[in-house]
Amino acid sequence: VQLSESGGGSVQAGGSLRLSCIVSGYADSNYCLGWFHQAPGKGREGVARLASDGDTSYADSVKGRFTISQDNAGNTLYLEMNSLKPEDTGMYYCAAGIGSFCPRSDLAIWGRGTQVIVSS
């Protein structure tokens, strides 16, 4: 599995960004993908995840502001980020779980990340 993120950038608080992750090499029809956030000096934390059955879940800190989705072909994972806050600043990583499991901060296949900077 290979993951490649894009779409990061610098925005002012209240702005929006859409992150993309190209997913390749995923042969399992049962899978789970997610987005993780790593703030400066902190560990990676799960932001949102999407399973192959369409089930989604979000961290409390982003509920109502972020939306995870996938294109119809299943090749690209998105994270739509609205009402961005300075605390959303950091690296965002696309992640794939091992087999049918959802990605975890201590066990996942990772992309290289894309940086988001939100200024106040």
C-alpha atoms as a PDB file:
ATOM      1  CA  VAL A   1       0.000   0.000   0.000  1.00  0.00           C
ATOM      2  CA  GLN A   2       1.250   3.458  -0.879  1.00  0.00           C
ATOM      3  CA  LEU A   3      -0.239   6.713   0.308  1.00  0.00           C
ATOM      4  CA  SER A   4       0.523  10.189  -0.990  1.00  0.00           C
ATOM      5  CA  GLU A   5      -0.979  13.308   0.567  1.00  0.00           C
ATOM      6  CA  SER A   6      -1.437  16.764  -0.875  1.00  0.00           C
ATOM      7  CA  GLY A   7      -3.477  19.881  -0.261  1.00  0.00           C
ATOM      8  CA  GLY A   8      -1.874  21.362   2.812  1.00  0.00           C
ATOM      9  CA  GLY A   9      -1.097  25.046   3.083  1.00  0.00           C
ATOM     10  CA  SER A  10      -1.439  28.197   5.127  1.00  0.00           C
ATOM     11  CA  VAL A  11      -4.819  29.719   5.911  1.00  0.00           C
ATOM     12  CA  GLN A  12      -6.292  32.143   8.381  1.00  0.00           C
ATOM     13  CA  ALA A  13      -8.522  30.990  11.174  1.00  0.00           C
ATOM     14  CA  GLY A  14     -12.008  30.300   9.893  1.00  0.00           C
ATOM     15  CA  GLY A  15     -10.722  29.243   6.501  1.00  0.00           C
ATOM     16  CA  SER A  16     -10.943  25.921   4.709  1.00  0.00           C
ATOM     17  CA  LEU A  17      -8.650  23.376   3.121  1.00  0.00           C
ATOM     18  CA  ARG A  18      -9.179  20.069   1.416  1.00  0.00           C
ATOM     19  CA  LEU A  19      -6.536  17.402   1.816  1.00  0.00           C
ATOM     20  CA  SER A  20      -6.208  14.557  -0.668  1.00  0.00           C
ATOM     21  CA  CYS A  21      -4.530  11.194  -0.366  1.00  0.00           C
ATOM     22  CA  ILE A  22      -3.906   8.950  -3.341  1.00  0.00           C
ATOM     23  CA  VAL A  23      -4.201   5.332  -2.248  1.00  0.00           C
ATOM     24  CA  SER A  24      -2.594   2.602  -4.300  1.00  0.00           C
ATOM     25  CA  GLY A  25      -1.832  -1.070  -3.870  1.00  0.00           C
ATOM     26  CA  TYR A  26      -4.804  -1.834  -1.633  1.00  0.00           C
ATOM     27  CA  ALA A  27      -6.032  -5.280  -2.642  1.00  0.00           C
ATOM     28  CA  ASP A  28      -8.333  -6.024   0.298  1.00  0.00           C
ATOM     29  CA  SER A  29     -12.005  -5.217  -0.239  1.00  0.00           C
ATOM     30  CA  ASN A  30     -12.389  -4.724   3.528  1.00  0.00           C
ATOM     31  CA  TYR A  31     -10.263  -1.817   4.610  1.00  0.00           C
ATOM     32  CA  CYS A  32     -10.104   1.184   6.858  1.00  0.00           C
ATOM     33  CA  LEU A  33      -8.414   4.494   6.085  1.00  0.00           C
ATOM     34  CA  GLY A  34      -7.901   7.569   8.190  1.00  0.00           C
ATOM     35  CA  TRP A  35      -6.352  10.949   8.748  1.00  0.00           C
ATOM     36  CA  PHE A  36      -4.088  11.761  11.669  1.00  0.00           C
ATOM     37  CA  HIS A  37      -2.898  15.109  12.998  1.00  0.00           C
ATOM     38  CA  GLN A  38       0.458  15.750  14.573  1.00  0.00           C
ATOM     39  CA  ALA A  39       0.734  19.141  16.232  1.00  0.00           C
ATOM     40  CA  PRO A  40       4.234  20.591  16.701  1.00  0.00           C
ATOM     41  CA  GLY A  41       5.998  18.720  19.499  1.00  0.00           C
ATOM     42  CA  LYS A  42       3.180  16.228  20.003  1.00  0.00           C
ATOM     43  CA  GLY A  43       2.301  12.740  18.902  1.00  0.00           C
ATOM     44  CA  ARG A  44      -0.046  11.698  16.115  1.00  0.00           C
ATOM     45  CA  GLU A  45      -3.727  11.676  16.943  1.00  0.00           C
ATOM     46  CA  GLY A  46      -6.577  10.279  14.928  1.00  0.00           C
ATOM     47  CA  VAL A  47      -8.809  12.887  13.314  1.00  0.00           C
ATOM     48  CA  ALA A  48     -11.166  10.892  11.132  1.00  0.00           C
ATOM     49  CA  ARG A  49     -11.506   7.445   9.701  1.00  0.00           C
ATOM     50  CA  LEU A  50     -13.532   5.769   6.996  1.00  0.00           C
ATOM     51  CA  ALA A  51     -14.188   2.072   6.584  1.00  0.00           C
ATOM     52  CA  SER A  52     -14.935   0.197   3.393  1.00  0.00           C
ATOM     53  CA  ASP A  53     -18.597  -0.133   4.429  1.00  0.00           C
ATOM     54  CA  GLY A  54     -18.864   3.656   4.510  1.00  0.00           C
ATOM     55  CA  ASP A  55     -18.824   4.003   8.272  1.00  0.00           C
ATOM     56  CA  THR A  56     -17.064   7.169   9.446  1.00  0.00           C
ATOM     57  CA  SER A  57     -15.921   8.482  12.796  1.00  0.00           C
ATOM     58  CA  TYR A  58     -14.342  11.712  13.979  1.00  0.00           C
ATOM     59  CA  ALA A  59     -12.384  13.059  16.893  1.00  0.00           C
ATOM     60  CA  ASP A  60     -14.513  15.294  19.111  1.00  0.00           C
ATOM     61  CA  SER A  61     -12.259  18.242  18.306  1.00  0.00           C
ATOM     62  CA  VAL A  62     -13.196  18.191  14.610  1.00  0.00           C
ATOM     63  CA  LYS A  63     -16.807  17.003  14.628  1.00  0.00           C
ATOM     64  CA  GLY A  64     -18.963  19.309  12.565  1.00  0.00           C
ATOM     65  CA  ARG A  65     -15.930  20.934  10.950  1.00  0.00           C
ATOM     66  CA  PHE A  66     -14.104  18.125   9.124  1.00  0.00           C
ATOM     67  CA  THR A  67     -15.484  15.591   6.674  1.00  0.00           C
ATOM     68  CA  ILE A  68     -13.732  12.460   5.471  1.00  0.00           C
ATOM     69  CA  SER A  69     -14.728  10.982   2.135  1.00  0.00           C
ATOM     70  CA  GLN A  70     -13.514   8.870  -0.746  1.00  0.00           C
ATOM     71  CA  ASP A  71     -13.963   9.052  -4.480  1.00  0.00           C
ATOM     72  CA  ASN A  72     -16.144   6.459  -6.192  1.00  0.00           C
ATOM     73  CA  ALA A  73     -13.162   4.518  -7.494  1.00  0.00           C
ATOM     74  CA  GLY A  74     -11.716   4.283  -4.013  1.00  0.00           C
ATOM     75  CA  ASN A  75      -8.413   5.682  -5.176  1.00  0.00           C
ATOM     76  CA  THR A  76      -8.452   8.993  -3.362  1.00  0.00           C
ATOM     77  CA  LEU A  77      -9.228   9.797   0.248  1.00  0.00           C
ATOM     78  CA  TYR A  78     -10.217  13.346   1.170  1.00  0.00           C
ATOM     79  CA  LEU A  79     -10.390  15.431   4.294  1.00  0.00           C
ATOM     80  CA  GLU A  80     -12.491  18.551   3.951  1.00  0.00           C
ATOM     81  CA  MET A  81     -11.518  20.948   6.736  1.00  0.00           C
ATOM     82  CA  ASN A  82     -13.731  23.940   7.493  1.00  0.00           C
ATOM     83  CA  SER A  83     -13.750  26.565  10.238  1.00  0.00           C
ATOM     84  CA  LEU A  84     -10.081  25.938  10.812  1.00  0.00           C
ATOM     85  CA  LYS A  85      -8.559  26.929  14.129  1.00  0.00           C
ATOM     86  CA  PRO A  86      -4.935  27.688  15.060  1.00  0.00           C
ATOM     87  CA  GLU A  87      -4.859  24.453  17.063  1.00  0.00           C
ATOM     88  CA  ASP A  88      -5.451  22.542  13.818  1.00  0.00           C
ATOM     89  CA  THR A  89      -1.926  23.513  12.787  1.00  0.00           C
ATOM     90  CA  GLY A  90       0.465  20.641  12.179  1.00  0.00           C
ATOM     91  CA  MET A  91       1.211  17.747   9.907  1.00  0.00           C
ATOM     92  CA  TYR A  92      -1.631  15.688   8.564  1.00  0.00           C
ATOM     93  CA  TYR A  93      -0.999  12.080   7.666  1.00  0.00           C
ATOM     94  CA  CYS A  94      -3.067   9.720   5.605  1.00  0.00           C
ATOM     95  CA  ALA A  95      -3.055   6.239   7.079  1.00  0.00           C
ATOM     96  CA  ALA A  96      -4.208   2.768   6.160  1.00  0.00           C
ATOM     97  CA  GLY A  97      -4.967   0.043   8.620  1.00  0.00           C
ATOM     98  CA  ILE A  98      -3.307  -3.350   8.495  1.00  0.00           C
ATOM     99  CA  GLY A  99      -5.679  -5.770   6.781  1.00  0.00           C
ATOM    100  CA  SER A 100      -9.247  -4.906   7.707  1.00  0.00           C
ATOM    101  CA  PHE A 101      -8.255  -3.102  10.899  1.00  0.00           C
ATOM    102  CA  CYS A 102      -8.450   0.665  11.235  1.00  0.00           C
ATOM    103  CA  PRO A 103      -5.205   2.588  11.466  1.00  0.00           C
ATOM    104  CA  ARG A 104      -3.852   3.411  14.917  1.00  0.00           C
ATOM    105  CA  SER A 105      -1.221   5.889  15.912  1.00  0.00           C
ATOM    106  CA  ASP A 106       1.068   2.972  16.855  1.00  0.00           C
ATOM    107  CA  LEU A 107       0.172   0.654  13.972  1.00  0.00           C
ATOM    108  CA  ALA A 108      -0.590   1.837  10.467  1.00  0.00           C
ATOM    109  CA  ILE A 109       0.760   2.353   7.004  1.00  0.00           C
ATOM    110  CA  TRP A 110       1.608   6.036   6.652  1.00  0.00           C
ATOM    111  CA  GLY A 111       1.924   8.618   3.967  1.00  0.00           C
ATOM    112  CA  ARG A 112       4.634  11.264   4.237  1.00  0.00           C
ATOM    113  CA  GLY A 113       2.238  13.934   5.426  1.00  0.00           C
ATOM    114  CA  THR A 114       1.198  17.386   4.376  1.00  0.00           C
ATOM    115  CA  GLN A 115       1.546  20.505   6.483  1.00  0.00           C
ATOM    116  CA  VAL A 116      -1.312  22.760   7.550  1.00  0.00           C
ATOM    117  CA  ILE A 117      -0.722  26.147   9.157  1.00  0.00           C
ATOM    118  CA  VAL A 118      -3.647  28.093  10.556  1.00  0.00           C
ATOM    119  CA  SER A 119      -2.909  31.635  11.665  1.00  0.00           C
ATOM    120  CA  SER A 120      -5.034  33.655  14.037  1.00  0.00           C
END
